[in-house]
């Protein structure tokens, strides 16, 4: 079976109702929006490259958060700021190289 997406990126954007620590407390939704916009602006989310950026509920890695995971590789990352996200975009999404310093 052929994969539809070359890369599928899931950002945990979970927000816990009780206020306990979760990815969205660390700006996960804003980060997801940033990456989605950046990938679109770079032209790497079109029908040829098929990179998809999605939100996910809790990915159960709260202690490592905020987190995102890229499939089909199943590579998990944490990030702090847009610089980290830019590095993931450039290295992993554009060139297929794992960013070891952000991998969890």
PDB file of N, CA and C in Angstrom:
ATOM      1  N   UNK A   1       0.830  -1.175   0.000  1.00  0.00           N
ATOM      2  CA  UNK A   1       0.000   0.000   0.000  1.00  0.00           C
ATOM      3  C   UNK A   1       0.884   1.252   0.000  1.00  0.00           C
ATOM      4  N   UNK A   2       0.541   2.208  -0.811  1.00  0.00           N
ATOM      5  CA  UNK A   2       1.281   3.458  -0.916  1.00  0.00           C
ATOM      6  C   UNK A   2       0.807   4.433   0.158  1.00  0.00           C
ATOM      7  N   UNK A   3       1.749   5.141   0.781  1.00  0.00           N
ATOM      8  CA  UNK A   3       1.406   6.163   1.762  1.00  0.00           C
ATOM      9  C   UNK A   3       0.895   7.392   1.050  1.00  0.00           C
ATOM     10  N   UNK A   4      -0.102   8.036   1.624  1.00  0.00           N
ATOM     11  CA  UNK A   4      -0.637   9.244   1.014  1.00  0.00           C
ATOM     12  C   UNK A   4       0.248  10.453   1.280  1.00  0.00           C
ATOM     13  N   UNK A   5       0.761  10.551   2.512  1.00  0.00           N
ATOM     14  CA  UNK A   5       1.631  11.668   2.861  1.00  0.00           C
ATOM     15  C   UNK A   5       3.076  11.204   2.902  1.00  0.00           C
ATOM     16  N   UNK A   6       3.990  12.051   2.431  1.00  0.00           N
ATOM     17  CA  UNK A   6       5.416  11.770   2.582  1.00  0.00           C
ATOM     18  C   UNK A   6       5.811  11.912   4.048  1.00  0.00           C
ATOM     19  N   UNK A   7       5.307  12.945   4.690  1.00  0.00           N
ATOM     20  CA  UNK A   7       5.556  13.199   6.108  1.00  0.00           C
ATOM     21  C   UNK A   7       4.243  13.677   6.720  1.00  0.00           C
ATOM     22  N   UNK A   8       3.939  13.148   7.881  1.00  0.00           N
ATOM     23  CA  UNK A   8       2.738  13.559   8.604  1.00  0.00           C
ATOM     24  C   UNK A   8       3.182  13.967  10.002  1.00  0.00           C
ATOM     25  N   UNK A   9       2.997  15.240  10.329  1.00  0.00           N
ATOM     26  CA  UNK A   9       3.480  15.810  11.587  1.00  0.00           C
ATOM     27  C   UNK A   9       2.292  16.047  12.517  1.00  0.00           C
ATOM     28  N   UNK A  10       2.385  15.464  13.715  1.00  0.00           N
ATOM     29  CA  UNK A  10       1.346  15.643  14.723  1.00  0.00           C
ATOM     30  C   UNK A  10       1.910  16.417  15.906  1.00  0.00           C
ATOM     31  N   UNK A  11       1.273  17.527  16.230  1.00  0.00           N
ATOM     32  CA  UNK A  11       1.613  18.329  17.400  1.00  0.00           C
ATOM     33  C   UNK A  11       0.618  18.002  18.501  1.00  0.00           C
ATOM     34  N   UNK A  12       1.116  17.649  19.680  1.00  0.00           N
ATOM     35  CA  UNK A  12       0.227  17.540  20.826  1.00  0.00           C
ATOM     36  C   UNK A  12      -0.202  18.953  21.182  1.00  0.00           C
ATOM     37  N   UNK A  13      -1.501  19.208  21.111  1.00  0.00           N
ATOM     38  CA  UNK A  13      -2.046  20.516  21.486  1.00  0.00           C
ATOM     39  C   UNK A  13      -3.040  20.357  22.634  1.00  0.00           C
ATOM     40  N   UNK A  14      -2.845  19.311  23.409  1.00  0.00           N
ATOM     41  CA  UNK A  14      -3.758  19.019  24.517  1.00  0.00           C
ATOM     42  C   UNK A  14      -3.730  20.125  25.570  1.00  0.00           C
ATOM     43  N   UNK A  15      -4.919  20.444  26.061  1.00  0.00           N
ATOM     44  CA  UNK A  15      -5.067  21.383  27.169  1.00  0.00           C
ATOM     45  C   UNK A  15      -5.844  20.665  28.264  1.00  0.00           C
ATOM     46  N   UNK A  16      -5.223  20.472  29.404  1.00  0.00           N
ATOM     47  CA  UNK A  16      -5.890  19.777  30.509  1.00  0.00           C
ATOM     48  C   UNK A  16      -6.825  20.723  31.258  1.00  0.00           C
ATOM     49  N   UNK A  17      -8.025  20.240  31.486  1.00  0.00           N
ATOM     50  CA  UNK A  17      -9.055  21.043  32.151  1.00  0.00           C
ATOM     51  C   UNK A  17      -8.675  21.406  33.579  1.00  0.00           C
ATOM     52  N   UNK A  18      -7.905  20.555  34.234  1.00  0.00           N
ATOM     53  CA  UNK A  18      -7.551  20.820  35.632  1.00  0.00           C
ATOM     54  C   UNK A  18      -6.360  21.770  35.773  1.00  0.00           C
ATOM     55  N   UNK A  19      -5.807  22.206  34.646  1.00  0.00           N
ATOM     56  CA  UNK A  19      -4.701  23.156  34.673  1.00  0.00           C
ATOM     57  C   UNK A  19      -3.333  22.541  34.885  1.00  0.00           C
ATOM     58  N   UNK A  20      -3.268  21.212  35.009  1.00  0.00           N
ATOM     59  CA  UNK A  20      -1.960  20.573  35.182  1.00  0.00           C
ATOM     60  C   UNK A  20      -1.144  20.687  33.900  1.00  0.00           C
ATOM     61  N   UNK A  21       0.152  20.463  34.043  1.00  0.00           N
ATOM     62  CA  UNK A  21       1.072  20.686  32.924  1.00  0.00           C
ATOM     63  C   UNK A  21       0.703  19.851  31.703  1.00  0.00           C
ATOM     64  N   UNK A  22       0.749  20.486  30.558  1.00  0.00           N
ATOM     65  CA  UNK A  22       0.454  19.818  29.284  1.00  0.00           C
ATOM     66  C   UNK A  22       1.117  20.619  28.163  1.00  0.00           C
ATOM     67  N   UNK A  23       1.139  20.048  26.996  1.00  0.00           N
ATOM     68  CA  UNK A  23       1.850  20.680  25.875  1.00  0.00           C
ATOM     69  C   UNK A  23       1.317  22.067  25.531  1.00  0.00           C
ATOM     70  N   UNK A  24       0.003  22.248  25.601  1.00  0.00           N
ATOM     71  CA  UNK A  24      -0.533  23.542  25.212  1.00  0.00           C
ATOM     72  C   UNK A  24      -0.152  24.645  26.198  1.00  0.00           C
ATOM     73  N   UNK A  25       0.222  24.274  27.419  1.00  0.00           N
ATOM     74  CA  UNK A  25       0.742  25.274  28.364  1.00  0.00           C
ATOM     75  C   UNK A  25       2.093  25.811  27.915  1.00  0.00           C
ATOM     76  N   UNK A  26       2.719  25.130  26.978  1.00  0.00           N
ATOM     77  CA  UNK A  26       4.034  25.527  26.463  1.00  0.00           C
ATOM     78  C   UNK A  26       3.952  26.043  25.022  1.00  0.00           C
ATOM     79  N   UNK A  27       2.776  26.520  24.633  1.00  0.00           N
ATOM     80  CA  UNK A  27       2.617  27.150  23.321  1.00  0.00           C
ATOM     81  C   UNK A  27       2.511  26.197  22.146  1.00  0.00           C
ATOM     82  N   UNK A  28       2.011  24.999  22.383  1.00  0.00           N
ATOM     83  CA  UNK A  28       1.953  23.991  21.316  1.00  0.00           C
ATOM     84  C   UNK A  28       1.060  24.408  20.146  1.00  0.00           C
ATOM     85  N   UNK A  29      -0.093  25.000  20.421  1.00  0.00           N
ATOM     86  CA  UNK A  29      -0.988  25.408  19.330  1.00  0.00           C
ATOM     87  C   UNK A  29      -0.334  26.493  18.475  1.00  0.00           C
ATOM     88  N   UNK A  30       0.295  27.443  19.122  1.00  0.00           N
ATOM     89  CA  UNK A  30       0.997  28.506  18.395  1.00  0.00           C
ATOM     90  C   UNK A  30       2.132  27.910  17.547  1.00  0.00           C
ATOM     91  N   UNK A  31       2.853  26.946  18.102  1.00  0.00           N
ATOM     92  CA  UNK A  31       3.937  26.285  17.366  1.00  0.00           C
ATOM     93  C   UNK A  31       3.395  25.534  16.160  1.00  0.00           C
ATOM     94  N   UNK A  32       2.292  24.822  16.339  1.00  0.00           N
ATOM     95  CA  UNK A  32       1.674  24.086  15.232  1.00  0.00           C
ATOM     96  C   UNK A  32       1.253  25.049  14.122  1.00  0.00           C
ATOM     97  N   UNK A  33       0.642  26.156  14.505  1.00  0.00           N
ATOM     98  CA  UNK A  33       0.218  27.149  13.514  1.00  0.00           C
ATOM     99  C   UNK A  33       1.423  27.721  12.776  1.00  0.00           C
ATOM    100  N   UNK A  34       2.499  27.989  13.508  1.00  0.00           N
ATOM    101  CA  UNK A  34       3.727  28.515  12.906  1.00  0.00           C
ATOM    102  C   UNK A  34       4.280  27.539  11.867  1.00  0.00           C
ATOM    103  N   UNK A  35       4.393  26.269  12.242  1.00  0.00           N
ATOM    104  CA  UNK A  35       4.949  25.270  11.316  1.00  0.00           C
ATOM    105  C   UNK A  35       4.034  25.091  10.110  1.00  0.00           C
ATOM    106  N   UNK A  36       2.740  25.030  10.320  1.00  0.00           N
ATOM    107  CA  UNK A  36       1.795  24.883   9.208  1.00  0.00           C
ATOM    108  C   UNK A  36       1.948  26.035   8.211  1.00  0.00           C
ATOM    109  N   UNK A  37       2.013  27.267   8.735  1.00  0.00           N
ATOM    110  CA  UNK A  37       2.177  28.436   7.864  1.00  0.00           C
ATOM    111  C   UNK A  37       3.526  28.420   7.150  1.00  0.00           C
ATOM    112  N   UNK A  38       4.578  28.054   7.861  1.00  0.00           N
ATOM    113  CA  UNK A  38       5.932  28.044   7.289  1.00  0.00           C
ATOM    114  C   UNK A  38       6.060  26.989   6.190  1.00  0.00           C
ATOM    115  N   UNK A  39       5.531  25.809   6.430  1.00  0.00           N
ATOM    116  CA  UNK A  39       5.583  24.721   5.447  1.00  0.00           C
ATOM    117  C   UNK A  39       4.809  25.129   4.187  1.00  0.00           C
ATOM    118  N   UNK A  40       3.679  25.776   4.392  1.00  0.00           N
ATOM    119  CA  UNK A  40       2.897  26.259   3.251  1.00  0.00           C
ATOM    120  C   UNK A  40       3.670  27.331   2.474  1.00  0.00           C
ATOM    121  N   UNK A  41       4.268  28.286   3.197  1.00  0.00           N
ATOM    122  CA  UNK A  41       5.037  29.364   2.556  1.00  0.00           C
ATOM    123  C   UNK A  41       6.240  28.826   1.791  1.00  0.00           C
ATOM    124  N   UNK A  42       6.846  27.757   2.300  1.00  0.00           N
ATOM    125  CA  UNK A  42       7.995  27.141   1.626  1.00  0.00           C
ATOM    126  C   UNK A  42       7.579  26.295   0.420  1.00  0.00           C
ATOM    127  N   UNK A  43       6.284  26.065   0.284  1.00  0.00           N
ATOM    128  CA  UNK A  43       5.788  25.266  -0.841  1.00  0.00           C
ATOM    129  C   UNK A  43       6.071  23.783  -0.696  1.00  0.00           C
ATOM    130  N   UNK A  44       6.226  23.316   0.541  1.00  0.00           N
ATOM    131  CA  UNK A  44       6.517  21.893   0.720  1.00  0.00           C
ATOM    132  C   UNK A  44       5.309  21.113   1.255  1.00  0.00           C
ATOM    133  N   UNK A  45       4.147  21.766   1.239  1.00  0.00           N
ATOM    134  CA  UNK A  45       2.940  21.060   1.656  1.00  0.00           C
ATOM    135  C   UNK A  45       1.991  20.871   0.484  1.00  0.00           C
ATOM    136  N   UNK A  46       2.515  20.986  -0.719  1.00  0.00           N
ATOM    137  CA  UNK A  46       1.664  20.856  -1.891  1.00  0.00           C
ATOM    138  C   UNK A  46       1.439  19.386  -2.252  1.00  0.00           C
ATOM    139  N   UNK A  47       0.757  19.143  -3.348  1.00  0.00           N
ATOM    140  CA  UNK A  47       0.418  17.768  -3.729  1.00  0.00           C
ATOM    141  C   UNK A  47       1.620  16.937  -4.137  1.00  0.00           C
ATOM    142  N   UNK A  48       2.751  17.571  -4.405  1.00  0.00           N
ATOM    143  CA  UNK A  48       3.951  16.819  -4.782  1.00  0.00           C
ATOM    144  C   UNK A  48       4.737  16.362  -3.560  1.00  0.00           C
ATOM    145  N   UNK A  49       4.853  17.225  -2.559  1.00  0.00           N
ATOM    146  CA  UNK A  49       5.623  16.888  -1.367  1.00  0.00           C
ATOM    147  C   UNK A  49       4.781  16.192  -0.306  1.00  0.00           C
ATOM    148  N   UNK A  50       3.537  16.538  -0.244  1.00  0.00           N
ATOM    149  CA  UNK A  50       2.594  15.898   0.659  1.00  0.00           C
ATOM    150  C   UNK A  50       3.050  15.865   2.111  1.00  0.00           C
ATOM    151  N   UNK A  51       3.381  17.029   2.627  1.00  0.00           N
ATOM    152  CA  UNK A  51       3.684  17.156   4.049  1.00  0.00           C
ATOM    153  C   UNK A  51       2.438  17.730   4.718  1.00  0.00           C
ATOM    154  N   UNK A  52       1.971  17.038   5.719  1.00  0.00           N
ATOM    155  CA  UNK A  52       0.737  17.431   6.414  1.00  0.00           C
ATOM    156  C   UNK A  52       1.049  17.743   7.873  1.00  0.00           C
ATOM    157  N   UNK A  53       0.539  18.879   8.350  1.00  0.00           N
ATOM    158  CA  UNK A  53       0.717  19.307   9.730  1.00  0.00           C
ATOM    159  C   UNK A  53      -0.646  19.226  10.419  1.00  0.00           C
ATOM    160  N   UNK A  54      -0.719  18.470  11.517  1.00  0.00           N
ATOM    161  CA  UNK A  54      -1.982  18.285  12.229  1.00  0.00           C
ATOM    162  C   UNK A  54      -1.825  18.497  13.727  1.00  0.00           C
ATOM    163  N   UNK A  55      -2.954  18.786  14.353  1.00  0.00           N
ATOM    164  CA  UNK A  55      -3.042  18.802  15.809  1.00  0.00           C
ATOM    165  C   UNK A  55      -3.438  17.409  16.268  1.00  0.00           C
ATOM    166  N   UNK A  56      -3.005  17.079  17.470  1.00  0.00           N
ATOM    167  CA  UNK A  56      -3.405  15.819  18.086  1.00  0.00           C
ATOM    168  C   UNK A  56      -3.816  16.108  19.516  1.00  0.00           C
ATOM    169  N   UNK A  57      -4.599  15.230  20.053  1.00  0.00           N
ATOM    170  CA  UNK A  57      -4.902  15.293  21.480  1.00  0.00           C
ATOM    171  C   UNK A  57      -3.663  14.857  22.234  1.00  0.00           C
ATOM    172  N   UNK A  58      -3.831  14.462  23.465  1.00  0.00           N
ATOM    173  CA  UNK A  58      -2.704  14.073  24.289  1.00  0.00           C
ATOM    174  C   UNK A  58      -1.937  12.911  23.667  1.00  0.00           C
ATOM    175  N   UNK A  59      -0.643  13.094  23.515  1.00  0.00           N
ATOM    176  CA  UNK A  59       0.230  12.040  22.990  1.00  0.00           C
ATOM    177  C   UNK A  59       0.942  11.303  24.121  1.00  0.00           C
ATOM    178  N   UNK A  60       0.582  11.629  25.357  1.00  0.00           N
ATOM    179  CA  UNK A  60       1.054  10.934  26.555  1.00  0.00           C
ATOM    180  C   UNK A  60       2.565  11.005  26.767  1.00  0.00           C
ATOM    181  N   UNK A  61       3.156  12.151  26.390  1.00  0.00           N
ATOM    182  CA  UNK A  61       4.580  12.383  26.661  1.00  0.00           C
ATOM    183  C   UNK A  61       4.734  13.723  27.362  1.00  0.00           C
ATOM    184  N   UNK A  62       3.847  13.981  28.282  1.00  0.00           N
ATOM    185  CA  UNK A  62       3.767  15.282  28.956  1.00  0.00           C
ATOM    186  C   UNK A  62       5.082  15.692  29.608  1.00  0.00           C
ATOM    187  N   UNK A  63       5.805  14.736  30.160  1.00  0.00           N
ATOM    188  CA  UNK A  63       7.072  15.064  30.825  1.00  0.00           C
ATOM    189  C   UNK A  63       8.138  15.538  29.844  1.00  0.00           C
ATOM    190  N   UNK A  64       7.950  15.250  28.555  1.00  0.00           N
ATOM    191  CA  UNK A  64       8.901  15.657  27.524  1.00  0.00           C
ATOM    192  C   UNK A  64       8.431  16.893  26.768  1.00  0.00           C
ATOM    193  N   UNK A  65       7.276  17.422  27.100  1.00  0.00           N
ATOM    194  CA  UNK A  65       6.584  18.417  26.304  1.00  0.00           C
ATOM    195  C   UNK A  65       7.236  19.785  26.261  1.00  0.00           C
ATOM    196  N   UNK A  66       6.831  20.536  25.267  1.00  0.00           N
ATOM    197  CA  UNK A  66       5.876  20.190  24.239  1.00  0.00           C
ATOM    198  C   UNK A  66       6.487  19.206  23.238  1.00  0.00           C
ATOM    199  N   UNK A  67       5.610  18.430  22.610  1.00  0.00           N
ATOM    200  CA  UNK A  67       6.107  17.400  21.700  1.00  0.00           C
ATOM    201  C   UNK A  67       5.387  17.423  20.359  1.00  0.00           C
ATOM    202  N   UNK A  68       6.111  16.879  19.366  1.00  0.00           N
ATOM    203  CA  UNK A  68       5.527  16.580  18.062  1.00  0.00           C
ATOM    204  C   UNK A  68       6.147  15.266  17.604  1.00  0.00           C
ATOM    205  N   UNK A  69       5.444  14.587  16.721  1.00  0.00           N
ATOM    206  CA  UNK A  69       5.952  13.335  16.170  1.00  0.00           C
ATOM    207  C   UNK A  69       5.759  13.370  14.662  1.00  0.00           C
ATOM    208  N   UNK A  70       6.766  12.885  13.948  1.00  0.00           N
ATOM    209  CA  UNK A  70       6.727  12.867  12.484  1.00  0.00           C
ATOM    210  C   UNK A  70       6.677  11.425  12.016  1.00  0.00           C
ATOM    211  N   UNK A  71       5.669  11.135  11.214  1.00  0.00           N
ATOM    212  CA  UNK A  71       5.533   9.820  10.589  1.00  0.00           C
ATOM    213  C   UNK A  71       5.773   9.957   9.104  1.00  0.00           C
ATOM    214  N   UNK A  72       6.284   8.927   8.425  1.00  0.00           N
ATOM    215  CA  UNK A  72       6.240   7.531   8.831  1.00  0.00           C
ATOM    216  C   UNK A  72       7.403   7.096   9.709  1.00  0.00           C
ATOM    217  N   UNK A  73       8.366   7.957   9.957  1.00  0.00           N
ATOM    218  CA  UNK A  73       9.549   7.547  10.716  1.00  0.00           C
ATOM    219  C   UNK A  73       9.246   7.268  12.180  1.00  0.00           C
ATOM    220  N   UNK A  74       8.253   7.958  12.734  1.00  0.00           N
ATOM    221  CA  UNK A  74       7.966   7.843  14.150  1.00  0.00           C
ATOM    222  C   UNK A  74       9.004   8.559  14.993  1.00  0.00           C
ATOM    223  N   UNK A  75       9.509   9.681  14.489  1.00  0.00           N
ATOM    224  CA  UNK A  75      10.519  10.465  15.201  1.00  0.00           C
ATOM    225  C   UNK A  75       9.829  11.488  16.088  1.00  0.00           C
ATOM    226  N   UNK A  76      10.153  11.450  17.373  1.00  0.00           N
ATOM    227  CA  UNK A  76       9.586  12.353  18.367  1.00  0.00           C
ATOM    228  C   UNK A  76      10.561  13.487  18.657  1.00  0.00           C
ATOM    229  N   UNK A  77       9.999  14.701  18.737  1.00  0.00           N
ATOM    230  CA  UNK A  77      10.796  15.879  19.057  1.00  0.00           C
ATOM    231  C   UNK A  77      10.140  16.691  20.171  1.00  0.00           C
ATOM    232  N   UNK A  78      10.976  17.399  20.899  1.00  0.00           N
ATOM    233  CA  UNK A  78      10.525  18.481  21.751  1.00  0.00           C
ATOM    234  C   UNK A  78      11.115  19.758  21.163  1.00  0.00           C
ATOM    235  N   UNK A  79      10.606  20.897  21.592  1.00  0.00           N
ATOM    236  CA  UNK A  79      11.063  22.173  21.039  1.00  0.00           C
ATOM    237  C   UNK A  79      10.828  23.259  22.072  1.00  0.00           C
ATOM    238  N   UNK A  80      11.558  24.352  21.913  1.00  0.00           N
ATOM    239  CA  UNK A  80      11.417  25.481  22.824  1.00  0.00           C
ATOM    240  C   UNK A  80      10.877  26.705  22.099  1.00  0.00           C
ATOM    241  N   UNK A  81      11.384  26.942  20.887  1.00  0.00           N
ATOM    242  CA  UNK A  81      11.042  28.179  20.205  1.00  0.00           C
ATOM    243  C   UNK A  81      11.010  27.976  18.687  1.00  0.00           C
ATOM    244  N   UNK A  82      10.766  29.062  17.966  1.00  0.00           N
ATOM    245  CA  UNK A  82      10.681  28.994  16.507  1.00  0.00           C
ATOM    246  C   UNK A  82      12.000  28.572  15.868  1.00  0.00           C
ATOM    247  N   UNK A  83      13.114  28.881  16.520  1.00  0.00           N
ATOM    248  CA  UNK A  83      14.413  28.438  16.004  1.00  0.00           C
ATOM    249  C   UNK A  83      14.485  26.918  15.950  1.00  0.00           C
ATOM    250  N   UNK A  84      14.013  26.269  17.010  1.00  0.00           N
ATOM    251  CA  UNK A  84      13.965  24.804  17.025  1.00  0.00           C
ATOM    252  C   UNK A  84      13.040  24.284  15.937  1.00  0.00           C
ATOM    253  N   UNK A  85      11.888  24.907  15.791  1.00  0.00           N
ATOM    254  CA  UNK A  85      10.925  24.474  14.772  1.00  0.00           C
ATOM    255  C   UNK A  85      11.487  24.667  13.369  1.00  0.00           C
ATOM    256  N   UNK A  86      12.174  25.794  13.153  1.00  0.00           N
ATOM    257  CA  UNK A  86      12.801  26.029  11.845  1.00  0.00           C
ATOM    258  C   UNK A  86      13.835  24.946  11.535  1.00  0.00           C
ATOM    259  N   UNK A  87      14.569  24.520  12.545  1.00  0.00           N
ATOM    260  CA  UNK A  87      15.570  23.472  12.339  1.00  0.00           C
ATOM    261  C   UNK A  87      14.901  22.142  11.986  1.00  0.00           C
ATOM    262  N   UNK A  88      13.795  21.822  12.644  1.00  0.00           N
ATOM    263  CA  UNK A  88      13.060  20.594  12.319  1.00  0.00           C
ATOM    264  C   UNK A  88      12.527  20.664  10.895  1.00  0.00           C
ATOM    265  N   UNK A  89      11.998  21.811  10.510  1.00  0.00           N
ATOM    266  CA  UNK A  89      11.485  21.978   9.141  1.00  0.00           C
ATOM    267  C   UNK A  89      12.613  21.785   8.130  1.00  0.00           C
ATOM    268  N   UNK A  90      13.708  22.522   8.321  1.00  0.00           N
ATOM    269  CA  UNK A  90      14.806  22.481   7.350  1.00  0.00           C
ATOM    270  C   UNK A  90      15.470  21.111   7.290  1.00  0.00           C
ATOM    271  N   UNK A  91      15.778  20.563   8.434  1.00  0.00           N
ATOM    272  CA  UNK A  91      16.527  19.306   8.451  1.00  0.00           C
ATOM    273  C   UNK A  91      15.644  18.090   8.183  1.00  0.00           C
ATOM    274  N   UNK A  92      14.594  17.930   8.964  1.00  0.00           N
ATOM    275  CA  UNK A  92      13.799  16.708   8.847  1.00  0.00           C
ATOM    276  C   UNK A  92      12.807  16.766   7.684  1.00  0.00           C
ATOM    277  N   UNK A  93      12.009  17.820   7.623  1.00  0.00           N
ATOM    278  CA  UNK A  93      10.965  17.862   6.603  1.00  0.00           C
ATOM    279  C   UNK A  93      11.516  18.116   5.207  1.00  0.00           C
ATOM    280  N   UNK A  94      12.533  18.943   5.096  1.00  0.00           N
ATOM    281  CA  UNK A  94      13.071  19.246   3.771  1.00  0.00           C
ATOM    282  C   UNK A  94      14.174  18.289   3.341  1.00  0.00           C
ATOM    283  N   UNK A  95      14.990  17.818   4.286  1.00  0.00           N
ATOM    284  CA  UNK A  95      16.157  17.023   3.902  1.00  0.00           C
ATOM    285  C   UNK A  95      16.184  15.611   4.471  1.00  0.00           C
ATOM    286  N   UNK A  96      15.187  15.256   5.276  1.00  0.00           N
ATOM    287  CA  UNK A  96      15.094  13.900   5.794  1.00  0.00           C
ATOM    288  C   UNK A  96      16.132  13.525   6.835  1.00  0.00           C
ATOM    289  N   UNK A  97      16.718  14.546   7.487  1.00  0.00           N
ATOM    290  CA  UNK A  97      17.747  14.286   8.508  1.00  0.00           C
ATOM    291  C   UNK A  97      17.164  14.539   9.906  1.00  0.00           C
ATOM    292  N   UNK A  98      17.354  13.590  10.780  1.00  0.00           N
ATOM    293  CA  UNK A  98      16.872  13.718  12.157  1.00  0.00           C
ATOM    294  C   UNK A  98      17.676  14.787  12.895  1.00  0.00           C
ATOM    295  N   UNK A  99      16.986  15.629  13.649  1.00  0.00           N
ATOM    296  CA  UNK A  99      17.624  16.644  14.466  1.00  0.00           C
ATOM    297  C   UNK A  99      17.871  16.008  15.842  1.00  0.00           C
ATOM    298  N   UNK A 100      19.040  15.450  16.003  1.00  0.00           N
ATOM    299  CA  UNK A 100      19.354  14.659  17.199  1.00  0.00           C
ATOM    300  C   UNK A 100      19.197  15.444  18.493  1.00  0.00           C
ATOM    301  N   UNK A 101      19.574  16.713  18.499  1.00  0.00           N
ATOM    302  CA  UNK A 101      19.538  17.492  19.739  1.00  0.00           C
ATOM    303  C   UNK A 101      18.114  17.734  20.231  1.00  0.00           C
ATOM    304  N   UNK A 102      17.114  17.610  19.386  1.00  0.00           N
ATOM    305  CA  UNK A 102      15.722  17.827  19.779  1.00  0.00           C
ATOM    306  C   UNK A 102      14.927  16.529  19.886  1.00  0.00           C
ATOM    307  N   UNK A 103      15.537  15.445  19.498  1.00  0.00           N
ATOM    308  CA  UNK A 103      14.858  14.141  19.511  1.00  0.00           C
ATOM    309  C   UNK A 103      14.641  13.667  20.940  1.00  0.00           C
ATOM    310  N   UNK A 104      13.481  13.072  21.182  1.00  0.00           N
ATOM    311  CA  UNK A 104      13.207  12.476  22.493  1.00  0.00           C
ATOM    312  C   UNK A 104      12.855  11.006  22.324  1.00  0.00           C
TER     313      UNK A 104
END
